[in-house]
Protein backbone atom coordinates (compact mmCIF):
# COMPACT_ATOMS: atom_id res chain seq x y z
CA MET A 1 -6.29 -47.73 16.75
CA ILE A 2 -5.40 -45.24 13.99
CA CYS A 3 -8.29 -46.51 11.82
CA ARG A 4 -10.61 -46.33 14.53
CA GLY A 5 -9.64 -42.78 15.35
CA LEU A 6 -10.00 -41.70 11.80
CA ARG A 7 -13.31 -43.37 11.40
CA SER A 8 -14.38 -41.28 14.45
CA PHE A 9 -13.06 -38.24 13.14
CA LEU A 10 -14.64 -38.75 9.85
CA GLU A 11 -18.15 -39.54 11.23
CA LYS A 12 -18.23 -36.98 14.07
CA GLU A 13 -16.63 -33.89 12.51
CA VAL A 14 -16.16 -34.26 8.82
CA ARG A 15 -19.51 -35.71 7.92
CA PRO A 16 -21.56 -32.94 9.53
CA LEU A 17 -19.56 -30.31 7.56
CA GLU A 18 -20.15 -32.21 4.39
CA GLU A 19 -24.05 -32.05 5.06
CA GLN A 20 -23.54 -28.33 5.79
CA TYR A 21 -21.77 -27.83 2.76
CA LYS A 22 -23.08 -30.47 0.33
CA ARG A 23 -24.18 -28.18 -2.21
CA TYR A 24 -20.60 -27.75 -3.08
CA LEU A 25 -19.96 -31.51 -2.99
CA GLU A 26 -22.97 -32.48 -5.02
CA ASP A 27 -22.54 -29.82 -7.83
CA GLU A 28 -19.00 -29.05 -9.08
CA ARG A 29 -20.31 -26.00 -10.73
CA ALA A 30 -21.24 -24.47 -7.39
CA ARG A 31 -17.68 -24.54 -5.76
CA LEU A 32 -16.03 -23.11 -8.89
CA GLN A 33 -15.48 -19.59 -9.84
CA ASP A 34 -15.58 -18.28 -13.41
CA ASP A 35 -11.94 -19.05 -13.93
CA GLY A 36 -12.38 -22.48 -12.58
CA SER A 37 -10.59 -21.97 -9.17
CA LEU A 38 -12.61 -22.90 -5.98
CA VAL A 39 -14.86 -20.34 -4.36
CA PRO A 40 -13.26 -18.93 -1.02
CA GLU A 41 -15.84 -20.48 1.19
CA PHE A 42 -15.28 -23.97 0.08
CA LYS A 43 -11.49 -23.48 -0.08
CA SER A 44 -11.74 -22.39 3.49
CA VAL A 45 -13.73 -25.54 4.51
CA LEU A 46 -11.02 -27.67 2.85
CA ASN A 47 -8.28 -25.73 4.92
CA HIS A 48 -10.19 -26.22 8.14
CA VAL A 49 -10.49 -29.91 7.61
CA ARG A 50 -6.86 -30.26 6.90
CA ARG A 51 -5.79 -28.22 9.91
CA ARG A 52 -8.20 -30.00 12.33
CA SER A 53 -6.71 -33.47 11.16
CA ALA A 54 -3.26 -32.06 11.54
CA ASP A 55 -3.99 -31.12 15.19
CA LEU A 56 -5.29 -34.59 15.85
CA GLY A 57 -2.01 -35.96 14.49
CA TYR A 58 -3.54 -37.61 11.34
CA TYR A 59 -2.46 -35.34 8.35
CA GLY A 60 1.24 -35.62 8.52
CA MET A 61 1.50 -38.87 10.50
CA HIS A 62 3.53 -40.76 7.80
CA MET A 63 6.43 -38.37 8.53
CA PRO A 64 9.06 -38.99 11.23
CA PRO A 65 8.59 -37.37 14.58
CA GLU A 66 11.59 -35.29 14.13
CA VAL A 67 9.57 -32.96 11.77
CA GLY A 68 6.20 -33.32 13.67
CA GLY A 69 4.91 -36.57 12.04
CA GLY A 70 3.77 -39.73 13.67
CA GLY A 71 6.31 -41.99 12.11
CA VAL A 72 3.43 -44.34 10.85
CA SER A 73 4.80 -47.11 8.68
CA ARG A 74 3.69 -47.72 5.07
CA VAL A 75 1.66 -50.62 6.01
CA GLY A 76 -0.04 -48.42 8.46
CA MET A 77 -0.42 -45.71 6.03
CA PHE A 78 -2.12 -48.27 3.54
CA TYR A 79 -4.82 -49.14 6.28
CA ALA A 80 -5.23 -45.28 6.97
CA LEU A 81 -5.70 -44.28 3.36
CA ARG A 82 -8.05 -47.34 2.83
CA GLU A 83 -10.14 -46.20 5.74
CA VAL A 84 -10.34 -42.49 4.53
CA PHE A 85 -11.25 -43.22 1.02
CA HIS A 86 -13.63 -45.97 2.04
CA HIS A 87 -16.05 -43.04 2.81
CA GLY A 88 -16.01 -42.00 -0.84
CA LEU A 89 -15.16 -38.53 -2.17
CA GLY A 90 -15.93 -35.65 0.02
CA LEU A 91 -14.03 -33.53 2.49
CA ASN A 92 -12.28 -36.72 3.54
CA VAL A 93 -9.81 -36.52 0.65
CA VAL A 94 -7.87 -33.76 2.43
CA VAL A 95 -7.66 -35.69 5.91
CA LEU A 96 -4.47 -37.25 5.00
CA SER A 97 -1.61 -35.59 3.25
CA GLY A 98 -1.57 -35.70 -0.66
CA PRO A 99 0.60 -33.96 -3.38
CA GLU A 100 -0.25 -30.70 -1.49
CA GLY A 101 1.23 -31.63 1.69
CA PRO A 102 4.49 -33.23 3.26
CA SER A 103 6.19 -36.04 1.54
CA PRO A 104 9.23 -38.18 2.49
CA MET A 105 10.86 -36.49 -0.52
CA LEU A 106 11.15 -33.19 1.51
CA LEU A 107 13.16 -34.97 4.07
CA GLN A 108 16.11 -33.83 1.88
CA PHE A 109 15.51 -30.47 3.20
CA ASN A 110 18.21 -29.03 5.36
CA GLU A 111 17.31 -27.71 8.89
CA PRO A 112 16.44 -24.28 7.96
CA GLN A 113 14.27 -25.33 5.13
CA ARG A 114 12.60 -27.98 7.38
CA GLU A 115 11.75 -25.04 9.82
CA LYS A 116 10.56 -22.57 7.34
CA TYR A 117 8.57 -25.20 5.00
CA LEU A 118 8.32 -28.55 6.20
CA ARG A 119 7.16 -28.47 9.69
CA PRO A 120 4.36 -25.86 8.65
CA LEU A 121 3.38 -28.31 6.10
CA VAL A 122 3.06 -31.20 8.53
CA ARG A 123 0.92 -28.83 10.81
CA GLY A 124 -1.28 -28.09 7.78
CA GLU A 125 -0.67 -24.36 7.98
CA MET A 126 0.73 -24.25 4.28
CA THR A 127 0.25 -26.22 1.25
CA THR A 128 2.76 -26.89 -1.60
CA CYS A 129 2.88 -28.38 -5.22
CA PHE A 130 5.09 -30.84 -7.12
CA ALA A 131 5.96 -28.78 -10.30
CA LEU A 132 7.70 -31.10 -12.73
CA THR A 133 5.30 -31.83 -15.50
CA GLU A 134 5.60 -29.28 -18.60
CA PRO A 135 3.74 -29.11 -21.97
CA GLU A 136 6.36 -31.44 -23.60
CA ALA A 137 7.73 -33.02 -20.56
CA GLY A 138 6.26 -35.18 -17.84
CA SER A 139 7.11 -38.94 -17.61
CA ASP A 140 9.53 -37.80 -20.37
CA ILE A 141 11.78 -35.92 -18.09
CA LYS A 142 14.76 -35.69 -20.81
CA ASN A 143 12.67 -33.10 -22.54
CA LEU A 144 12.55 -30.29 -19.86
CA LYS A 145 12.37 -26.76 -21.04
CA THR A 146 12.32 -24.85 -17.84
CA ARG A 147 15.84 -23.39 -17.06
CA ALA A 148 17.54 -21.88 -14.06
CA GLU A 149 20.73 -19.98 -14.74
CA LYS A 150 23.05 -19.44 -11.96
CA LYS A 151 24.03 -15.80 -11.22
CA GLY A 152 26.19 -15.30 -8.03
CA ASP A 153 24.26 -16.42 -5.01
CA HIS A 154 21.14 -16.91 -6.98
CA TYR A 155 19.46 -18.56 -9.86
CA ILE A 156 17.10 -16.97 -12.47
CA LEU A 157 14.33 -19.23 -13.17
CA ASN A 158 12.27 -19.11 -16.62
CA GLY A 159 9.71 -21.72 -17.76
CA MET A 160 6.27 -23.11 -17.61
CA LYS A 161 4.46 -26.04 -15.68
CA THR A 162 1.30 -27.52 -16.50
CA PHE A 163 -1.23 -29.93 -14.81
CA ILE A 164 0.17 -29.15 -11.33
CA THR A 165 -2.01 -30.36 -8.65
CA ASN A 166 -2.60 -27.60 -5.93
CA ALA A 167 -0.73 -24.98 -7.93
CA ALA A 168 -3.69 -22.89 -7.65
CA ASP A 169 -3.47 -22.49 -3.88
CA ALA A 170 0.10 -23.63 -3.09
CA ASP A 171 2.10 -21.37 -0.76
CA PHE A 172 5.22 -22.70 -2.37
CA ALA A 173 6.24 -24.81 -5.47
CA GLN A 174 8.71 -27.55 -5.69
CA VAL A 175 10.29 -26.52 -9.17
CA PHE A 176 12.37 -28.70 -11.18
CA ALA A 177 14.65 -27.08 -13.92
CA VAL A 178 17.64 -27.61 -15.88
CA THR A 179 20.76 -25.88 -14.32
CA ASP A 180 23.38 -27.70 -16.46
CA PRO A 181 22.24 -27.93 -20.07
CA LYS A 182 25.33 -29.75 -21.33
CA THR A 183 25.29 -32.50 -18.66
CA TYR A 184 21.40 -32.72 -19.11
CA LYS A 185 21.77 -33.13 -22.96
CA GLU A 186 24.36 -35.90 -22.45
CA HIS A 187 22.77 -37.71 -19.55
CA GLY A 188 19.25 -36.88 -19.40
CA TYR A 189 18.75 -37.59 -15.68
CA MET A 190 21.53 -35.19 -14.50
CA GLY A 191 21.67 -31.55 -14.72
CA VAL A 192 18.18 -30.95 -13.32
CA THR A 193 17.77 -29.23 -9.80
CA ALA A 194 14.79 -28.98 -7.63
CA PHE A 195 14.03 -25.57 -6.04
CA LEU A 196 11.62 -24.12 -3.27
CA VAL A 197 9.83 -21.31 -5.00
CA GLU A 198 7.62 -18.99 -2.90
CA ARG A 199 4.10 -17.98 -4.11
CA ASP A 200 4.95 -14.31 -3.56
CA THR A 201 8.41 -14.38 -5.55
CA PRO A 202 8.39 -11.74 -8.24
CA GLY A 203 7.76 -13.38 -11.56
CA TYR A 204 5.87 -16.35 -10.19
CA GLN A 205 2.48 -16.52 -11.77
CA VAL A 206 -0.44 -18.99 -11.65
CA GLY A 207 -1.63 -19.59 -14.95
CA LYS A 208 -4.91 -20.74 -16.25
CA ILE A 209 -6.93 -23.37 -14.11
CA ASN A 210 -6.71 -26.82 -15.88
CA ARG A 211 -10.47 -27.90 -16.24
CA SER A 212 -10.73 -31.58 -16.08
CA LEU A 213 -13.23 -34.46 -15.71
CA ILE A 214 -13.62 -33.68 -12.05
CA ASP A 215 -13.04 -29.91 -12.14
CA ASP A 216 -11.81 -29.89 -8.52
CA GLY A 217 -10.23 -26.38 -9.01
CA SER A 218 -6.69 -27.30 -7.99
CA GLN A 219 -4.74 -28.11 -11.03
CA ALA A 220 -3.13 -25.04 -12.96
CA GLU A 221 -0.42 -23.81 -14.83
CA LEU A 222 2.81 -22.16 -13.38
CA ILE A 223 4.65 -19.62 -15.16
CA PHE A 224 8.23 -18.38 -14.04
CA GLU A 225 9.48 -15.16 -15.67
CA ASN A 226 13.05 -14.09 -14.08
CA CYS A 227 12.33 -15.49 -10.74
CA LYS A 228 15.16 -14.88 -8.65
CA ILE A 229 15.82 -17.83 -6.41
CA PRO A 230 18.45 -17.69 -3.57
CA LYS A 231 20.85 -20.57 -3.72
CA GLU A 232 19.46 -21.64 -0.21
CA ASN A 233 16.44 -22.80 -1.86
CA VAL A 234 17.94 -25.61 -3.58
CA ILE A 235 16.48 -29.04 -2.71
CA GLY A 236 19.27 -31.51 -1.99
CA GLN A 237 22.34 -31.28 -4.32
CA GLU A 238 22.37 -29.02 -7.59
CA GLY A 239 22.02 -31.07 -10.59
CA MET A 240 20.53 -34.00 -8.93
CA GLY A 241 16.79 -33.01 -8.97
CA PHE A 242 15.85 -36.02 -10.89
CA TYR A 243 16.71 -38.35 -8.16
CA VAL A 244 14.84 -35.98 -5.59
CA ALA A 245 11.77 -36.50 -7.82
CA MET A 246 12.08 -40.30 -8.03
CA SER A 247 12.27 -40.64 -4.13
CA TRP A 248 8.72 -39.20 -4.18
CA LEU A 249 7.12 -41.15 -7.25
CA GLY A 250 7.08 -44.61 -5.72
CA ILE A 251 5.52 -43.49 -2.56
CA GLY A 252 2.77 -41.52 -4.70
CA ARG A 253 2.04 -44.32 -6.81
CA LEU A 254 1.40 -46.74 -3.46
CA ASN A 255 -0.96 -43.90 -2.03
CA ILE A 256 -2.94 -43.73 -5.28
CA ALA A 257 -3.37 -47.32 -5.24
CA ALA A 258 -4.38 -47.25 -1.59
CA TRP A 259 -6.98 -44.55 -2.55
CA SER A 260 -8.13 -46.95 -5.15
CA VAL A 261 -8.67 -49.76 -2.77
CA GLY A 262 -10.66 -47.62 -0.26
CA LEU A 263 -12.82 -46.28 -3.03
CA ALA A 264 -13.40 -49.68 -4.60
CA GLN A 265 -14.55 -51.00 -1.05
CA TYR A 266 -16.88 -48.12 -0.81
CA LEU A 267 -18.41 -48.82 -4.34
CA LEU A 268 -18.58 -52.55 -3.49
CA GLU A 269 -20.67 -52.07 -0.44
CA ARG A 270 -22.95 -49.68 -2.20
CA CYS A 271 -23.46 -51.96 -5.14
CA VAL A 272 -24.38 -54.94 -2.72
CA GLU A 273 -26.63 -52.87 -0.85
CA TYR A 274 -28.44 -51.69 -4.08
CA ALA A 275 -28.50 -55.14 -5.52
CA ASN A 276 -30.12 -56.42 -2.46
CA LEU A 277 -32.94 -53.55 -2.41
CA ARG A 278 -33.65 -53.20 -6.09
CA THR A 279 -36.24 -55.60 -7.67
CA ALA A 280 -36.83 -56.17 -11.04
CA PHE A 281 -39.16 -59.03 -12.39
CA GLY A 282 -40.11 -60.08 -8.96
CA LYS A 283 -37.01 -60.51 -7.18
CA PRO A 284 -33.80 -58.53 -6.13
CA ILE A 285 -31.39 -57.81 -8.86
CA GLY A 286 -28.69 -59.36 -6.76
CA LYS A 287 -30.33 -62.64 -7.26
CA TYR A 288 -29.66 -62.57 -11.13
CA GLN A 289 -26.37 -64.20 -12.58
CA HIS A 290 -25.16 -61.20 -14.35
CA ILE A 291 -25.17 -59.06 -11.22
CA ARG A 292 -23.83 -61.69 -9.15
CA GLY A 293 -21.02 -62.25 -11.57
CA MET A 294 -20.10 -58.68 -11.64
CA LEU A 295 -19.95 -58.34 -7.76
CA ALA A 296 -17.99 -61.53 -7.41
CA GLU A 297 -15.31 -60.36 -9.91
CA SER A 298 -15.19 -56.83 -8.12
CA ALA A 299 -14.65 -58.58 -4.66
CA ALA A 300 -11.79 -60.93 -6.01
CA GLU A 301 -10.12 -57.98 -7.88
CA LEU A 302 -10.32 -55.86 -4.67
CA TYR A 303 -8.65 -58.44 -2.59
CA ALA A 304 -5.80 -59.07 -5.19
CA ALA A 305 -5.05 -55.42 -5.18
CA GLU A 306 -5.15 -55.21 -1.22
CA GLN A 307 -2.64 -58.08 -1.14
CA MET A 308 -0.34 -56.54 -3.80
CA LEU A 309 -0.33 -53.05 -1.99
CA LEU A 310 0.22 -54.71 1.40
CA HIS A 311 3.19 -56.70 0.04
CA ALA A 312 4.72 -53.60 -1.51
CA SER A 313 4.23 -51.44 1.53
CA TRP A 314 5.91 -54.15 3.67
CA LYS A 315 8.77 -54.31 1.30
CA MET A 316 9.24 -50.59 1.71
CA ASP A 317 9.26 -50.95 5.45
CA GLN A 318 11.82 -53.21 5.28
CA GLY A 319 14.18 -50.63 3.47
CA GLU A 320 13.82 -52.59 0.18
CA SER A 321 13.38 -50.81 -3.27
CA VAL A 322 9.73 -51.25 -4.55
CA VAL A 323 10.10 -49.37 -7.99
CA ASP A 324 8.59 -52.49 -9.69
CA GLU A 325 6.01 -53.27 -7.00
CA SER A 326 4.73 -49.72 -6.72
CA SER A 327 4.08 -49.71 -10.49
CA MET A 328 2.47 -53.03 -10.45
CA ALA A 329 0.07 -51.92 -7.70
CA LYS A 330 -0.54 -48.58 -8.95
CA TRP A 331 -1.35 -49.91 -12.48
CA TYR A 332 -3.59 -52.97 -11.18
CA ALA A 333 -5.37 -51.04 -8.50
CA THR A 334 -6.31 -47.92 -10.54
CA ASN A 335 -7.58 -50.25 -13.29
CA MET A 336 -9.34 -52.52 -10.79
CA LEU A 337 -11.12 -49.26 -9.50
CA TYR A 338 -12.13 -48.15 -13.00
CA ARG A 339 -13.58 -51.72 -13.91
CA MET A 340 -15.48 -51.52 -10.51
CA ALA A 341 -16.78 -48.01 -11.17
CA ASP A 342 -17.83 -49.13 -14.56
CA ARG A 343 -19.80 -52.05 -13.08
CA ALA A 344 -21.28 -49.96 -10.34
CA VAL A 345 -22.55 -47.61 -13.06
CA GLN A 346 -23.96 -50.79 -14.80
CA ILE A 347 -25.56 -52.09 -11.80
CA HIS A 348 -27.42 -48.92 -10.70
CA GLY A 349 -28.49 -48.46 -14.28
CA GLY A 350 -30.03 -45.09 -14.99
CA MET A 351 -29.42 -43.74 -11.41
CA GLY A 352 -25.82 -44.69 -11.77
CA VAL A 353 -25.43 -41.74 -14.14
CA MET A 354 -27.32 -39.43 -12.16
CA LYS A 355 -25.52 -36.70 -9.88
CA GLU A 356 -27.78 -37.61 -7.10
CA LEU A 357 -25.45 -40.48 -6.27
CA PRO A 358 -21.76 -40.42 -6.15
CA ILE A 359 -21.22 -43.31 -8.55
CA GLU A 360 -20.70 -41.14 -11.72
CA ARG A 361 -18.15 -38.94 -9.97
CA ILE A 362 -16.11 -41.92 -8.65
CA PHE A 363 -16.25 -43.18 -12.28
CA ARG A 364 -14.61 -39.97 -13.57
CA PHE A 365 -12.07 -39.79 -10.73
CA ALA A 366 -11.07 -43.48 -11.32
CA ARG A 367 -10.31 -42.42 -14.96
CA ILE A 368 -8.14 -39.76 -13.85
CA LEU A 369 -6.17 -42.04 -11.62
CA ARG A 370 -5.01 -44.22 -14.34
CA ILE A 371 -3.14 -40.78 -15.81
CA VAL A 372 -1.74 -39.17 -12.77
CA GLU A 373 1.58 -40.30 -11.15
CA GLY A 374 2.60 -42.13 -14.36
CA THR A 375 0.22 -43.42 -16.94
CA ASP A 376 -0.94 -46.96 -17.40
CA GLU A 377 1.65 -47.23 -20.34
CA ILE A 378 4.46 -45.71 -18.03
CA GLN A 379 3.77 -48.35 -15.44
CA LYS A 380 3.85 -51.24 -17.90
CA GLU A 381 7.11 -49.86 -19.28
CA THR A 382 8.66 -49.92 -15.79
CA ILE A 383 7.53 -53.42 -15.13
CA ALA A 384 8.66 -54.63 -18.66
CA LYS A 385 12.25 -53.31 -17.80
CA SER A 386 12.17 -55.27 -14.72
CA LEU A 387 11.84 -58.38 -16.98
CA GLU A 388 14.85 -57.13 -18.89
CA LEU A 389 12.97 -56.63 -21.95
């Protein structure tokens, strides 16, 4: 039912908007201002799609009913994400919540925080960002430089974050800062606190837009200069911010794996269609062994990724830890998509690298997915540790 509803929404409401604003979707330069941020018109369209999806109950449906969500299981979310990304890379990417929206990590909010921040996120009325990465710290959380010093009933926040998705437009940021330097130096994972920092807080500054392979206009630096943060804006317990962060990373990795499966399915169907239509030397190229082999490998790898992700999602629904499985699924699915995107370019030949087709953009996007939410190497380190190496 959910997938049918999403498909109807995408086809009847989202796709017409993609046609109307295709100049922004087909030419990344057209949707960016000189500083790399999104032009207001395109940003308005994205916000419209997000809010319309929220109105229909899709955007935050992975969240529990008590905060306005639909209580959809992880297995259900796998199928939903696969359905959405099966439509490629367009306005559909904001139909379901990503790093800019509500996540289960935010269930650690107390009731006032839920009312002020979380429920508006679920309704698509606000967006946020997850501000952990710094110039010298990301997966290496033991090297954070951002500090928050407690002063009576508030904290003074100083530091810089970089490569933060949706930092350019977020209404508030989830910022991780060292609050107990001595404990942090001794233990590495303790002494870090997560804060809610609103965009209009004095000293909060959006730095330069991070220009990337896909230039989506959303990643940016965040700079904090003597930001006064009330103690009421602490997320969870003081000094336990690392554990707050880890509660989101596993789900984030499963989400990216699901995106990869949906996009891979999209690519496979486009490639099969093209292989049956394109002729060379008197017959469709799909009749040649090299092309058939690439498509067969792609289909088998896609099936394997789906099964990995379904199993990990099912385990999470049973309340089991999926730290290892989420790393396996994220590593395998993103690399599967990258290989498939590479094959798609090869199968389409010269047209595969032309901007008239969506193939080359997915190829670039696939490369980025092997970096975000933990690089390939971080995923393999996590897997290796599970083997007691």
